[in-house]
Amino acid sequence: QVQVVESGGGWVQPGGPLRLSCAASGFTLKRFRMTWYRQAPGKERELVAGISGTALTTDYADSVKGRFTISRDNAKNMVYLEMNSLKPEDTAVYYCRVDALDAWGQGTLVTVSS
């Protein structure tokens, strides 16, 4: 069945980097736009970044533009979120989503604090 599993979350100091990974299975990854969402404590889930099936187009929330980079390796069935210059307000559970299938992973927690 369709499954996406996030990994790579953890604790990082402000200004530091972190890379999240999303392992996809049960479907042909290259056919689908993939997105990363996040949900901070007490806040609604928000779209962070998206990437088309062929990786030709990407889009980002204004709050992460210039700091985060979404990428994918269809041959390895993987999607990534490279996060740099992290801020405390980036603290959240990050989720990977298969847009057209509305399939979500369980999330991975990112904590940015000193």
PDB file of N, CA and C in Angstrom:
ATOM      1  N   GLN A   1       0.839  -1.189   0.000  1.00  0.00           N
ATOM      2  CA  GLN A   1       0.000   0.000   0.000  1.00  0.00           C
ATOM      3  C   GLN A   1       0.880   1.248   0.000  1.00  0.00           C
ATOM      4  N   VAL A   2       0.256   2.375  -0.270  1.00  0.00           N
ATOM      5  CA  VAL A   2       0.988   3.646  -0.297  1.00  0.00           C
ATOM      6  C   VAL A   2       1.519   3.967   1.095  1.00  0.00           C
ATOM      7  N   GLN A   3       2.789   4.279   1.153  1.00  0.00           N
ATOM      8  CA  GLN A   3       3.389   4.606   2.440  1.00  0.00           C
ATOM      9  C   GLN A   3       4.507   5.614   2.252  1.00  0.00           C
ATOM     10  N   VAL A   4       4.559   6.593   3.147  1.00  0.00           N
ATOM     11  CA  VAL A   4       5.684   7.524   3.204  1.00  0.00           C
ATOM     12  C   VAL A   4       6.143   7.584   4.650  1.00  0.00           C
ATOM     13  N   VAL A   5       7.450   7.535   4.852  1.00  0.00           N
ATOM     14  CA  VAL A   5       8.025   7.507   6.187  1.00  0.00           C
ATOM     15  C   VAL A   5       9.098   8.581   6.285  1.00  0.00           C
ATOM     16  N   GLU A   6       8.894   9.514   7.213  1.00  0.00           N
ATOM     17  CA  GLU A   6       9.844  10.593   7.410  1.00  0.00           C
ATOM     18  C   GLU A   6      10.921  10.194   8.412  1.00  0.00           C
ATOM     19  N   SER A   7      12.089  10.800   8.260  1.00  0.00           N
ATOM     20  CA  SER A   7      13.178  10.605   9.221  1.00  0.00           C
ATOM     21  C   SER A   7      14.093  11.816   9.170  1.00  0.00           C
ATOM     22  N   GLY A   8      14.984  11.892  10.146  1.00  0.00           N
ATOM     23  CA  GLY A   8      15.985  12.954  10.148  1.00  0.00           C
ATOM     24  C   GLY A   8      15.728  14.083  11.117  1.00  0.00           C
ATOM     25  N   GLY A   9      14.594  14.064  11.791  1.00  0.00           N
ATOM     26  CA  GLY A   9      14.314  15.112  12.757  1.00  0.00           C
ATOM     27  C   GLY A   9      15.208  15.006  13.970  1.00  0.00           C
ATOM     28  N   GLY A  10      15.173  16.038  14.804  1.00  0.00           N
ATOM     29  CA  GLY A  10      15.984  16.043  16.014  1.00  0.00           C
ATOM     30  C   GLY A  10      16.119  17.438  16.553  1.00  0.00           C
ATOM     31  N   TRP A  11      17.077  17.585  17.457  1.00  0.00           N
ATOM     32  CA  TRP A  11      17.343  18.889  18.070  1.00  0.00           C
ATOM     33  C   TRP A  11      18.513  19.548  17.362  1.00  0.00           C
ATOM     34  N   VAL A  12      18.384  20.857  17.117  1.00  0.00           N
ATOM     35  CA  VAL A  12      19.467  21.602  16.487  1.00  0.00           C
ATOM     36  C   VAL A  12      19.474  23.014  17.054  1.00  0.00           C
ATOM     37  N   GLN A  13      20.645  23.594  17.159  1.00  0.00           N
ATOM     38  CA  GLN A  13      20.762  24.972  17.656  1.00  0.00           C
ATOM     39  C   GLN A  13      20.341  25.965  16.578  1.00  0.00           C
ATOM     40  N   PRO A  14      19.875  27.127  16.988  1.00  0.00           N
ATOM     41  CA  PRO A  14      19.530  28.159  15.989  1.00  0.00           C
ATOM     42  C   PRO A  14      20.704  28.440  15.058  1.00  0.00           C
ATOM     43  N   GLY A  15      20.388  28.576  13.786  1.00  0.00           N
ATOM     44  CA  GLY A  15      21.416  28.795  12.781  1.00  0.00           C
ATOM     45  C   GLY A  15      21.971  27.532  12.175  1.00  0.00           C
ATOM     46  N   GLY A  16      21.641  26.403  12.753  1.00  0.00           N
ATOM     47  CA  GLY A  16      22.190  25.138  12.284  1.00  0.00           C
ATOM     48  C   GLY A  16      21.392  24.534  11.147  1.00  0.00           C
ATOM     49  N   PRO A  17      21.947  23.459  10.542  1.00  0.00           N
ATOM     50  CA  PRO A  17      21.275  22.765   9.450  1.00  0.00           C
ATOM     51  C   PRO A  17      20.684  21.424   9.894  1.00  0.00           C
ATOM     52  N   LEU A  18      19.759  20.952   9.089  1.00  0.00           N
ATOM     53  CA  LEU A  18      19.190  19.621   9.315  1.00  0.00           C
ATOM     54  C   LEU A  18      18.606  19.167   7.985  1.00  0.00           C
ATOM     55  N   ARG A  19      18.696  17.870   7.710  1.00  0.00           N
ATOM     56  CA  ARG A  19      18.106  17.333   6.487  1.00  0.00           C
ATOM     57  C   ARG A  19      17.079  16.268   6.834  1.00  0.00           C
ATOM     58  N   LEU A  20      15.886  16.449   6.332  1.00  0.00           N
ATOM     59  CA  LEU A  20      14.822  15.470   6.505  1.00  0.00           C
ATOM     60  C   LEU A  20      14.719  14.606   5.261  1.00  0.00           C
ATOM     61  N   SER A  21      14.352  13.352   5.481  1.00  0.00           N
ATOM     62  CA  SER A  21      14.165  12.420   4.384  1.00  0.00           C
ATOM     63  C   SER A  21      12.764  11.837   4.433  1.00  0.00           C
ATOM     64  N   CYS A  22      12.252  11.486   3.264  1.00  0.00           N
ATOM     65  CA  CYS A  22      10.936  10.858   3.156  1.00  0.00           C
ATOM     66  C   CYS A  22      11.090   9.658   2.228  1.00  0.00           C
ATOM     67  N   ALA A  23      10.890   8.474   2.766  1.00  0.00           N
ATOM     68  CA  ALA A  23      10.997   7.246   1.991  1.00  0.00           C
ATOM     69  C   ALA A  23       9.607   6.846   1.515  1.00  0.00           C
ATOM     70  N   ALA A  24       9.460   6.683   0.199  1.00  0.00           N
ATOM     71  CA  ALA A  24       8.159   6.385  -0.395  1.00  0.00           C
ATOM     72  C   ALA A  24       8.111   4.940  -0.878  1.00  0.00           C
ATOM     73  N   SER A  25       6.943   4.330  -0.751  1.00  0.00           N
ATOM     74  CA  SER A  25       6.757   2.963  -1.251  1.00  0.00           C
ATOM     75  C   SER A  25       5.293   2.734  -1.597  1.00  0.00           C
ATOM     76  N   GLY A  26       5.051   1.735  -2.448  1.00  0.00           N
ATOM     77  CA  GLY A  26       3.684   1.380  -2.807  1.00  0.00           C
ATOM     78  C   GLY A  26       3.089   2.172  -3.953  1.00  0.00           C
ATOM     79  N   PHE A  27       3.879   3.048  -4.570  1.00  0.00           N
ATOM     80  CA  PHE A  27       3.390   3.822  -5.713  1.00  0.00           C
ATOM     81  C   PHE A  27       4.591   4.297  -6.520  1.00  0.00           C
ATOM     82  N   THR A  28       4.317   4.790  -7.727  1.00  0.00           N
ATOM     83  CA  THR A  28       5.388   5.256  -8.614  1.00  0.00           C
ATOM     84  C   THR A  28       5.667   6.715  -8.309  1.00  0.00           C
ATOM     85  N   LEU A  29       6.740   6.966  -7.591  1.00  0.00           N
ATOM     86  CA  LEU A  29       7.011   8.298  -7.044  1.00  0.00           C
ATOM     87  C   LEU A  29       7.040   9.386  -8.111  1.00  0.00           C
ATOM     88  N   LYS A  30       7.641   9.097  -9.258  1.00  0.00           N
ATOM     89  CA  LYS A  30       7.863  10.146 -10.257  1.00  0.00           C
ATOM     90  C   LYS A  30       6.559  10.706 -10.817  1.00  0.00           C
ATOM     91  N   ARG A  31       5.459  10.031 -10.612  1.00  0.00           N
ATOM     92  CA  ARG A  31       4.174  10.491 -11.139  1.00  0.00           C
ATOM     93  C   ARG A  31       3.507  11.528 -10.247  1.00  0.00           C
ATOM     94  N   PHE A  32       4.058  11.762  -9.074  1.00  0.00           N
ATOM     95  CA  PHE A  32       3.334  12.576  -8.098  1.00  0.00           C
ATOM     96  C   PHE A  32       4.138  13.760  -7.576  1.00  0.00           C
ATOM     97  N   ARG A  33       3.466  14.869  -7.480  1.00  0.00           N
ATOM     98  CA  ARG A  33       3.986  16.011  -6.737  1.00  0.00           C
ATOM     99  C   ARG A  33       4.065  15.613  -5.273  1.00  0.00           C
ATOM    100  N   MET A  34       5.151  15.997  -4.621  1.00  0.00           N
ATOM    101  CA  MET A  34       5.364  15.712  -3.200  1.00  0.00           C
ATOM    102  C   MET A  34       5.520  17.017  -2.447  1.00  0.00           C
ATOM    103  N   THR A  35       5.053  17.020  -1.210  1.00  0.00           N
ATOM    104  CA  THR A  35       5.122  18.224  -0.397  1.00  0.00           C
ATOM    105  C   THR A  35       5.592  17.894   1.011  1.00  0.00           C
ATOM    106  N   TRP A  36       6.133  18.925   1.661  1.00  0.00           N
ATOM    107  CA  TRP A  36       6.449  18.879   3.081  1.00  0.00           C
ATOM    108  C   TRP A  36       5.541  19.883   3.774  1.00  0.00           C
ATOM    109  N   TYR A  37       4.931  19.449   4.848  1.00  0.00           N
ATOM    110  CA  TYR A  37       4.136  20.312   5.712  1.00  0.00           C
ATOM    111  C   TYR A  37       4.770  20.305   7.102  1.00  0.00           C
ATOM    112  N   ARG A  38       4.362  21.241   7.913  1.00  0.00           N
ATOM    113  CA  ARG A  38       4.770  21.224   9.309  1.00  0.00           C
ATOM    114  C   ARG A  38       3.631  21.724  10.192  1.00  0.00           C
ATOM    115  N   GLN A  39       3.680  21.274  11.435  1.00  0.00           N
ATOM    116  CA  GLN A  39       2.692  21.716  12.411  1.00  0.00           C
ATOM    117  C   GLN A  39       3.392  22.007  13.723  1.00  0.00           C
ATOM    118  N   ALA A  40       3.361  23.266  14.102  1.00  0.00           N
ATOM    119  CA  ALA A  40       3.956  23.693  15.364  1.00  0.00           C
ATOM    120  C   ALA A  40       2.927  23.543  16.482  1.00  0.00           C
ATOM    121  N   PRO A  41       3.382  23.440  17.731  1.00  0.00           N
ATOM    122  CA  PRO A  41       2.448  23.294  18.841  1.00  0.00           C
ATOM    123  C   PRO A  41       1.412  24.421  18.866  1.00  0.00           C
ATOM    124  N   GLY A  42       0.150  24.051  18.916  1.00  0.00           N
ATOM    125  CA  GLY A  42      -0.915  25.034  19.011  1.00  0.00           C
ATOM    126  C   GLY A  42      -1.244  25.749  17.721  1.00  0.00           C
ATOM    127  N   LYS A  43      -0.623  25.319  16.623  1.00  0.00           N
ATOM    128  CA  LYS A  43      -0.865  25.983  15.340  1.00  0.00           C
ATOM    129  C   LYS A  43      -1.402  25.002  14.314  1.00  0.00           C
ATOM    130  N   GLU A  44      -1.952  25.533  13.236  1.00  0.00           N
ATOM    131  CA  GLU A  44      -2.452  24.692  12.162  1.00  0.00           C
ATOM    132  C   GLU A  44      -1.294  24.180  11.305  1.00  0.00           C
ATOM    133  N   ARG A  45      -1.554  23.050  10.674  1.00  0.00           N
ATOM    134  CA  ARG A  45      -0.548  22.502   9.755  1.00  0.00           C
ATOM    135  C   ARG A  45      -0.407  23.442   8.563  1.00  0.00           C
ATOM    136  N   GLU A  46       0.850  23.675   8.136  1.00  0.00           N
ATOM    137  CA  GLU A  46       1.080  24.585   7.026  1.00  0.00           C
ATOM    138  C   GLU A  46       1.998  23.968   5.988  1.00  0.00           C
ATOM    139  N   LEU A  47       1.808  24.378   4.745  1.00  0.00           N
ATOM    140  CA  LEU A  47       2.651  23.917   3.650  1.00  0.00           C
ATOM    141  C   LEU A  47       4.011  24.593   3.743  1.00  0.00           C
ATOM    142  N   VAL A  48       5.060  23.800   3.651  1.00  0.00           N
ATOM    143  CA  VAL A  48       6.424  24.325   3.713  1.00  0.00           C
ATOM    144  C   VAL A  48       7.037  24.389   2.320  1.00  0.00           C
ATOM    145  N   ALA A  49       6.936  23.287   1.568  1.00  0.00           N
ATOM    146  CA  ALA A  49       7.573  23.230   0.253  1.00  0.00           C
ATOM    147  C   ALA A  49       6.932  22.129  -0.585  1.00  0.00           C
ATOM    148  N   GLY A  50       6.995  22.293  -1.906  1.00  0.00           N
ATOM    149  CA  GLY A  50       6.469  21.295  -2.817  1.00  0.00           C
ATOM    150  C   GLY A  50       7.391  21.118  -4.004  1.00  0.00           C
ATOM    151  N   ILE A  51       7.320  19.941  -4.632  1.00  0.00           N
ATOM    152  CA  ILE A  51       8.166  19.653  -5.787  1.00  0.00           C
ATOM    153  C   ILE A  51       7.388  18.791  -6.758  1.00  0.00           C
ATOM    154  N   SER A  52       7.461  19.129  -8.041  1.00  0.00           N
ATOM    155  CA  SER A  52       6.741  18.369  -9.058  1.00  0.00           C
ATOM    156  C   SER A  52       7.374  16.994  -9.247  1.00  0.00           C
ATOM    157  N   GLY A  53       6.650  16.123  -9.945  1.00  0.00           N
ATOM    158  CA  GLY A  53       7.120  14.757 -10.137  1.00  0.00           C
ATOM    159  C   GLY A  53       8.478  14.653 -10.803  1.00  0.00           C
ATOM    160  N   THR A  54       8.712  15.577 -11.738  1.00  0.00           N
ATOM    161  CA  THR A  54       9.989  15.570 -12.464  1.00  0.00           C
ATOM    162  C   THR A  54      11.026  16.475 -11.834  1.00  0.00           C
ATOM    163  N   ALA A  55      10.648  17.125 -10.741  1.00  0.00           N
ATOM    164  CA  ALA A  55      11.532  18.055 -10.021  1.00  0.00           C
ATOM    165  C   ALA A  55      11.807  19.334 -10.802  1.00  0.00           C
ATOM    166  N   LEU A  56      11.046  19.598 -11.852  1.00  0.00           N
ATOM    167  CA  LEU A  56      11.286  20.814 -12.637  1.00  0.00           C
ATOM    168  C   LEU A  56      10.780  22.059 -11.931  1.00  0.00           C
ATOM    169  N   THR A  57       9.783  21.894 -11.091  1.00  0.00           N
ATOM    170  CA  THR A  57       9.251  23.056 -10.383  1.00  0.00           C
ATOM    171  C   THR A  57       9.215  22.788  -8.880  1.00  0.00           C
ATOM    172  N   THR A  58       9.551  23.817  -8.134  1.00  0.00           N
ATOM    173  CA  THR A  58       9.475  23.780  -6.687  1.00  0.00           C
ATOM    174  C   THR A  58       8.801  25.050  -6.195  1.00  0.00           C
ATOM    175  N   ASP A  59       8.239  24.985  -5.000  1.00  0.00           N
ATOM    176  CA  ASP A  59       7.630  26.157  -4.408  1.00  0.00           C
ATOM    177  C   ASP A  59       7.838  26.100  -2.906  1.00  0.00           C
ATOM    178  N   TYR A  60       7.854  27.268  -2.277  1.00  0.00           N
ATOM    179  CA  TYR A  60       8.167  27.370  -0.862  1.00  0.00           C
ATOM    180  C   TYR A  60       7.271  28.384  -0.171  1.00  0.00           C
ATOM    181  N   ALA A  61       7.025  28.140   1.092  1.00  0.00           N
ATOM    182  CA  ALA A  61       6.386  29.146   1.918  1.00  0.00           C
ATOM    183  C   ALA A  61       7.345  30.325   2.064  1.00  0.00           C
ATOM    184  N   ASP A  62       6.794  31.523   2.158  1.00  0.00           N
ATOM    185  CA  ASP A  62       7.638  32.711   2.292  1.00  0.00           C
ATOM    186  C   ASP A  62       8.552  32.619   3.497  1.00  0.00           C
ATOM    187  N   SER A  63       8.081  31.970   4.549  1.00  0.00           N
ATOM    188  CA  SER A  63       8.843  31.915   5.794  1.00  0.00           C
ATOM    189  C   SER A  63      10.115  31.071   5.689  1.00  0.00           C
ATOM    190  N   VAL A  64      10.205  30.213   4.667  1.00  0.00           N
ATOM    191  CA  VAL A  64      11.377  29.339   4.546  1.00  0.00           C
ATOM    192  C   VAL A  64      12.159  29.599   3.268  1.00  0.00           C
ATOM    193  N   LYS A  65      11.649  30.464   2.409  1.00  0.00           N
ATOM    194  CA  LYS A  65      12.289  30.716   1.124  1.00  0.00           C
ATOM    195  C   LYS A  65      13.727  31.210   1.329  1.00  0.00           C
ATOM    196  N   GLY A  66      14.654  30.608   0.602  1.00  0.00           N
ATOM    197  CA  GLY A  66      16.051  30.980   0.729  1.00  0.00           C
ATOM    198  C   GLY A  66      16.791  30.210   1.802  1.00  0.00           C
ATOM    199  N   ARG A  67      16.077  29.493   2.661  1.00  0.00           N
ATOM    200  CA  ARG A  67      16.716  28.713   3.729  1.00  0.00           C
ATOM    201  C   ARG A  67      16.505  27.212   3.540  1.00  0.00           C
ATOM    202  N   PHE A  68      15.362  26.830   2.996  1.00  0.00           N
ATOM    203  CA  PHE A  68      15.031  25.412   2.813  1.00  0.00           C
ATOM    204  C   PHE A  68      15.102  25.056   1.329  1.00  0.00           C
ATOM    205  N   THR A  69      15.468  23.808   1.057  1.00  0.00           N
ATOM    206  CA  THR A  69      15.498  23.303  -0.311  1.00  0.00           C
ATOM    207  C   THR A  69      14.861  21.922  -0.354  1.00  0.00           C
ATOM    208  N   ILE A  70      13.860  21.771  -1.213  1.00  0.00           N
ATOM    209  CA  ILE A  70      13.226  20.479  -1.401  1.00  0.00           C
ATOM    210  C   ILE A  70      13.826  19.815  -2.639  1.00  0.00           C
ATOM    211  N   SER A  71      14.037  18.508  -2.560  1.00  0.00           N
ATOM    212  CA  SER A  71      14.588  17.776  -3.688  1.00  0.00           C
ATOM    213  C   SER A  71      14.039  16.355  -3.665  1.00  0.00           C
ATOM    214  N   ARG A  72      14.311  15.621  -4.730  1.00  0.00           N
ATOM    215  CA  ARG A  72      13.833  14.251  -4.796  1.00  0.00           C
ATOM    216  C   ARG A  72      14.777  13.399  -5.630  1.00  0.00           C
ATOM    217  N   ASP A  73      14.784  12.110  -5.340  1.00  0.00           N
ATOM    218  CA  ASP A  73      15.524  11.133  -6.117  1.00  0.00           C
ATOM    219  C   ASP A  73      14.528  10.023  -6.448  1.00  0.00           C
ATOM    220  N   ASN A  74      13.920  10.113  -7.621  1.00  0.00           N
ATOM    221  CA  ASN A  74      12.872   9.153  -7.970  1.00  0.00           C
ATOM    222  C   ASN A  74      13.416   7.734  -8.083  1.00  0.00           C
ATOM    223  N   ALA A  75      14.665   7.610  -8.486  1.00  0.00           N
ATOM    224  CA  ALA A  75      15.259   6.277  -8.613  1.00  0.00           C
ATOM    225  C   ALA A  75      15.385   5.584  -7.250  1.00  0.00           C
ATOM    226  N   LYS A  76      15.563   6.381  -6.215  1.00  0.00           N
ATOM    227  CA  LYS A  76      15.701   5.839  -4.861  1.00  0.00           C
ATOM    228  C   LYS A  76      14.401   5.935  -4.065  1.00  0.00           C
ATOM    229  N   ASN A  77      13.360   6.472  -4.693  1.00  0.00           N
ATOM    230  CA  ASN A  77      12.067   6.644  -4.008  1.00  0.00           C
ATOM    231  C   ASN A  77      12.205   7.507  -2.751  1.00  0.00           C
ATOM    232  N   MET A  78      12.926   8.592  -2.882  1.00  0.00           N
ATOM    233  CA  MET A  78      13.192   9.460  -1.737  1.00  0.00           C
ATOM    234  C   MET A  78      12.877  10.925  -2.068  1.00  0.00           C
ATOM    235  N   VAL A  79      12.415  11.618  -1.051  1.00  0.00           N
ATOM    236  CA  VAL A  79      12.213  13.058  -1.115  1.00  0.00           C
ATOM    237  C   VAL A  79      12.935  13.659   0.085  1.00  0.00           C
ATOM    238  N   TYR A  80      13.528  14.827  -0.106  1.00  0.00           N
ATOM    239  CA  TYR A  80      14.337  15.437   0.948  1.00  0.00           C
ATOM    240  C   TYR A  80      13.908  16.870   1.219  1.00  0.00           C
ATOM    241  N   LEU A  81      14.220  17.320   2.429  1.00  0.00           N
ATOM    242  CA  LEU A  81      14.068  18.730   2.772  1.00  0.00           C
ATOM    243  C   LEU A  81      15.332  19.151   3.488  1.00  0.00           C
ATOM    244  N   GLU A  82      16.137  19.942   2.798  1.00  0.00           N
ATOM    245  CA  GLU A  82      17.370  20.479   3.364  1.00  0.00           C
ATOM    246  C   GLU A  82      17.017  21.794   4.041  1.00  0.00           C
ATOM    247  N   MET A  83      17.309  21.894   5.319  1.00  0.00           N
ATOM    248  CA  MET A  83      16.946  23.087   6.088  1.00  0.00           C
ATOM    249  C   MET A  83      18.213  23.736   6.632  1.00  0.00           C
ATOM    250  N   ASN A  84      18.396  24.994   6.341  1.00  0.00           N
ATOM    251  CA  ASN A  84      19.546  25.751   6.815  1.00  0.00           C
ATOM    252  C   ASN A  84      19.092  26.996   7.573  1.00  0.00           C
ATOM    253  N   SER A  85      20.020  27.569   8.307  1.00  0.00           N
ATOM    254  CA  SER A  85      19.729  28.782   9.095  1.00  0.00           C
ATOM    255  C   SER A  85      18.441  28.619   9.892  1.00  0.00           C
ATOM    256  N   LEU A  86      18.348  27.515  10.593  1.00  0.00           N
ATOM    257  CA  LEU A  86      17.122  27.212  11.310  1.00  0.00           C
ATOM    258  C   LEU A  86      16.882  28.203  12.443  1.00  0.00           C
ATOM    259  N   LYS A  87      15.600  28.478  12.657  1.00  0.00           N
ATOM    260  CA  LYS A  87      15.170  29.419  13.678  1.00  0.00           C
ATOM    261  C   LYS A  87      14.279  28.696  14.684  1.00  0.00           C
ATOM    262  N   PRO A  88      14.158  29.224  15.890  1.00  0.00           N
ATOM    263  CA  PRO A  88      13.266  28.586  16.864  1.00  0.00           C
ATOM    264  C   PRO A  88      11.838  28.427  16.337  1.00  0.00           C
ATOM    265  N   GLU A  89      11.400  29.355  15.507  1.00  0.00           N
ATOM    266  CA  GLU A  89      10.038  29.263  14.961  1.00  0.00           C
ATOM    267  C   GLU A  89       9.873  28.175  13.915  1.00  0.00           C
ATOM    268  N   ASP A  90      10.969  27.514  13.542  1.00  0.00           N
ATOM    269  CA  ASP A  90      10.878  26.353  12.659  1.00  0.00           C
ATOM    270  C   ASP A  90      10.562  25.080  13.435  1.00  0.00           C
ATOM    271  N   THR A  91      10.554  25.167  14.749  1.00  0.00           N
ATOM    272  CA  THR A  91      10.235  24.004  15.566  1.00  0.00           C
ATOM    273  C   THR A  91       8.824  23.515  15.254  1.00  0.00           C
ATOM    274  N   ALA A  92       8.721  22.237  14.889  1.00  0.00           N
ATOM    275  CA  ALA A  92       7.432  21.669  14.481  1.00  0.00           C
ATOM    276  C   ALA A  92       7.609  20.188  14.179  1.00  0.00           C
ATOM    277  N   VAL A  93       6.482  19.519  14.013  1.00  0.00           N
ATOM    278  CA  VAL A  93       6.502  18.180  13.431  1.00  0.00           C
ATOM    279  C   VAL A  93       6.388  18.361  11.920  1.00  0.00           C
ATOM    280  N   TYR A  94       7.300  17.745  11.192  1.00  0.00           N
ATOM    281  CA  TYR A  94       7.333  17.869   9.738  1.00  0.00           C
ATOM    282  C   TYR A  94       6.785  16.601   9.104  1.00  0.00           C
ATOM    283  N   TYR A  95       5.911  16.800   8.126  1.00  0.00           N
ATOM    284  CA  TYR A  95       5.232  15.702   7.468  1.00  0.00           C
ATOM    285  C   TYR A  95       5.512  15.705   5.965  1.00  0.00           C
ATOM    286  N   CYS A  96       5.617  14.513   5.426  1.00  0.00           N
ATOM    287  CA  CYS A  96       5.729  14.314   3.988  1.00  0.00           C
ATOM    288  C   CYS A  96       4.350  13.900   3.470  1.00  0.00           C
ATOM    289  N   ARG A  97       3.991  14.410   2.298  1.00  0.00           N
ATOM    290  CA  ARG A  97       2.662  14.123   1.761  1.00  0.00           C
ATOM    291  C   ARG A  97       2.732  13.829   0.269  1.00  0.00           C
ATOM    292  N   VAL A  98       1.960  12.826  -0.161  1.00  0.00           N
ATOM    293  CA  VAL A  98       1.736  12.552  -1.577  1.00  0.00           C
ATOM    294  C   VAL A  98       0.468  13.312  -1.936  1.00  0.00           C
ATOM    295  N   ASP A  99       0.627  14.451  -2.633  1.00  0.00           N
ATOM    296  CA  ASP A  99      -0.508  15.350  -2.804  1.00  0.00           C
ATOM    297  C   ASP A  99      -1.746  14.679  -3.394  1.00  0.00           C
ATOM    298  N   ALA A 100      -1.634  14.100  -4.547  1.00  0.00           N
ATOM    299  CA  ALA A 100      -2.804  13.595  -5.271  1.00  0.00           C
ATOM    300  C   ALA A 100      -3.477  12.426  -4.560  1.00  0.00           C
ATOM    301  N   LEU A 101      -2.718  11.736  -3.721  1.00  0.00           N
ATOM    302  CA  LEU A 101      -3.265  10.596  -2.998  1.00  0.00           C
ATOM    303  C   LEU A 101      -3.662  10.964  -1.574  1.00  0.00           C
ATOM    304  N   ASP A 102      -3.335  12.187  -1.176  1.00  0.00           N
ATOM    305  CA  ASP A 102      -3.583  12.658   0.190  1.00  0.00           C
ATOM    306  C   ASP A 102      -3.056  11.653   1.211  1.00  0.00           C
ATOM    307  N   ALA A 103      -1.859  11.167   0.972  1.00  0.00           N
ATOM    308  CA  ALA A 103      -1.225  10.198   1.867  1.00  0.00           C
ATOM    309  C   ALA A 103      -0.155  10.909   2.680  1.00  0.00           C
ATOM    310  N   TRP A 104      -0.173  10.704   3.990  1.00  0.00           N
ATOM    311  CA  TRP A 104       0.720  11.380   4.921  1.00  0.00           C
ATOM    312  C   TRP A 104       1.590  10.377   5.668  1.00  0.00           C
ATOM    313  N   GLY A 105       2.756  10.838   6.041  1.00  0.00           N
ATOM    314  CA  GLY A 105       3.594  10.061   6.933  1.00  0.00           C
ATOM    315  C   GLY A 105       3.223  10.352   8.376  1.00  0.00           C
ATOM    316  N   GLN A 106       3.983   9.742   9.296  1.00  0.00           N
ATOM    317  CA  GLN A 106       3.694   9.920  10.713  1.00  0.00           C
ATOM    318  C   GLN A 106       4.335  11.178  11.276  1.00  0.00           C
ATOM    319  N   GLY A 107       5.243  11.762  10.531  1.00  0.00           N
ATOM    320  CA  GLY A 107       5.888  12.998  10.958  1.00  0.00           C
ATOM    321  C   GLY A 107       7.201  12.761  11.680  1.00  0.00           C
ATOM    322  N   THR A 108       8.046  13.776  11.661  1.00  0.00           N
ATOM    323  CA  THR A 108       9.315  13.753  12.388  1.00  0.00           C
ATOM    324  C   THR A 108       9.479  15.112  13.068  1.00  0.00           C
ATOM    325  N   LEU A 109       9.865  15.084  14.330  1.00  0.00           N
ATOM    326  CA  LEU A 109       9.916  16.301  15.127  1.00  0.00           C
ATOM    327  C   LEU A 109      11.253  17.019  14.948  1.00  0.00           C
ATOM    328  N   VAL A 110      11.169  18.303  14.672  1.00  0.00           N
ATOM    329  CA  VAL A 110      12.344  19.166  14.594  1.00  0.00           C
ATOM    330  C   VAL A 110      12.240  20.194  15.713  1.00  0.00           C
ATOM    331  N   THR A 111      13.270  20.263  16.545  1.00  0.00           N
ATOM    332  CA  THR A 111      13.302  21.216  17.638  1.00  0.00           C
ATOM    333  C   THR A 111      14.520  22.113  17.475  1.00  0.00           C
ATOM    334  N   VAL A 112      14.280  23.413  17.394  1.00  0.00           N
ATOM    335  CA  VAL A 112      15.361  24.385  17.230  1.00  0.00           C
ATOM    336  C   VAL A 112      15.416  25.236  18.491  1.00  0.00           C
ATOM    337  N   SER A 113      16.469  25.049  19.254  1.00  0.00           N
ATOM    338  CA  SER A 113      16.611  25.829  20.487  1.00  0.00           C
ATOM    339  C   SER A 113      18.054  25.793  20.931  1.00  0.00           C
ATOM    340  N   SER A 114      18.386  26.754  21.793  1.00  0.00           N
ATOM    341  CA  SER A 114      19.738  26.809  22.334  1.00  0.00           C
ATOM    342  C   SER A 114      19.757  26.218  23.737  1.00  0.00           C
TER     343      SER A 114
END
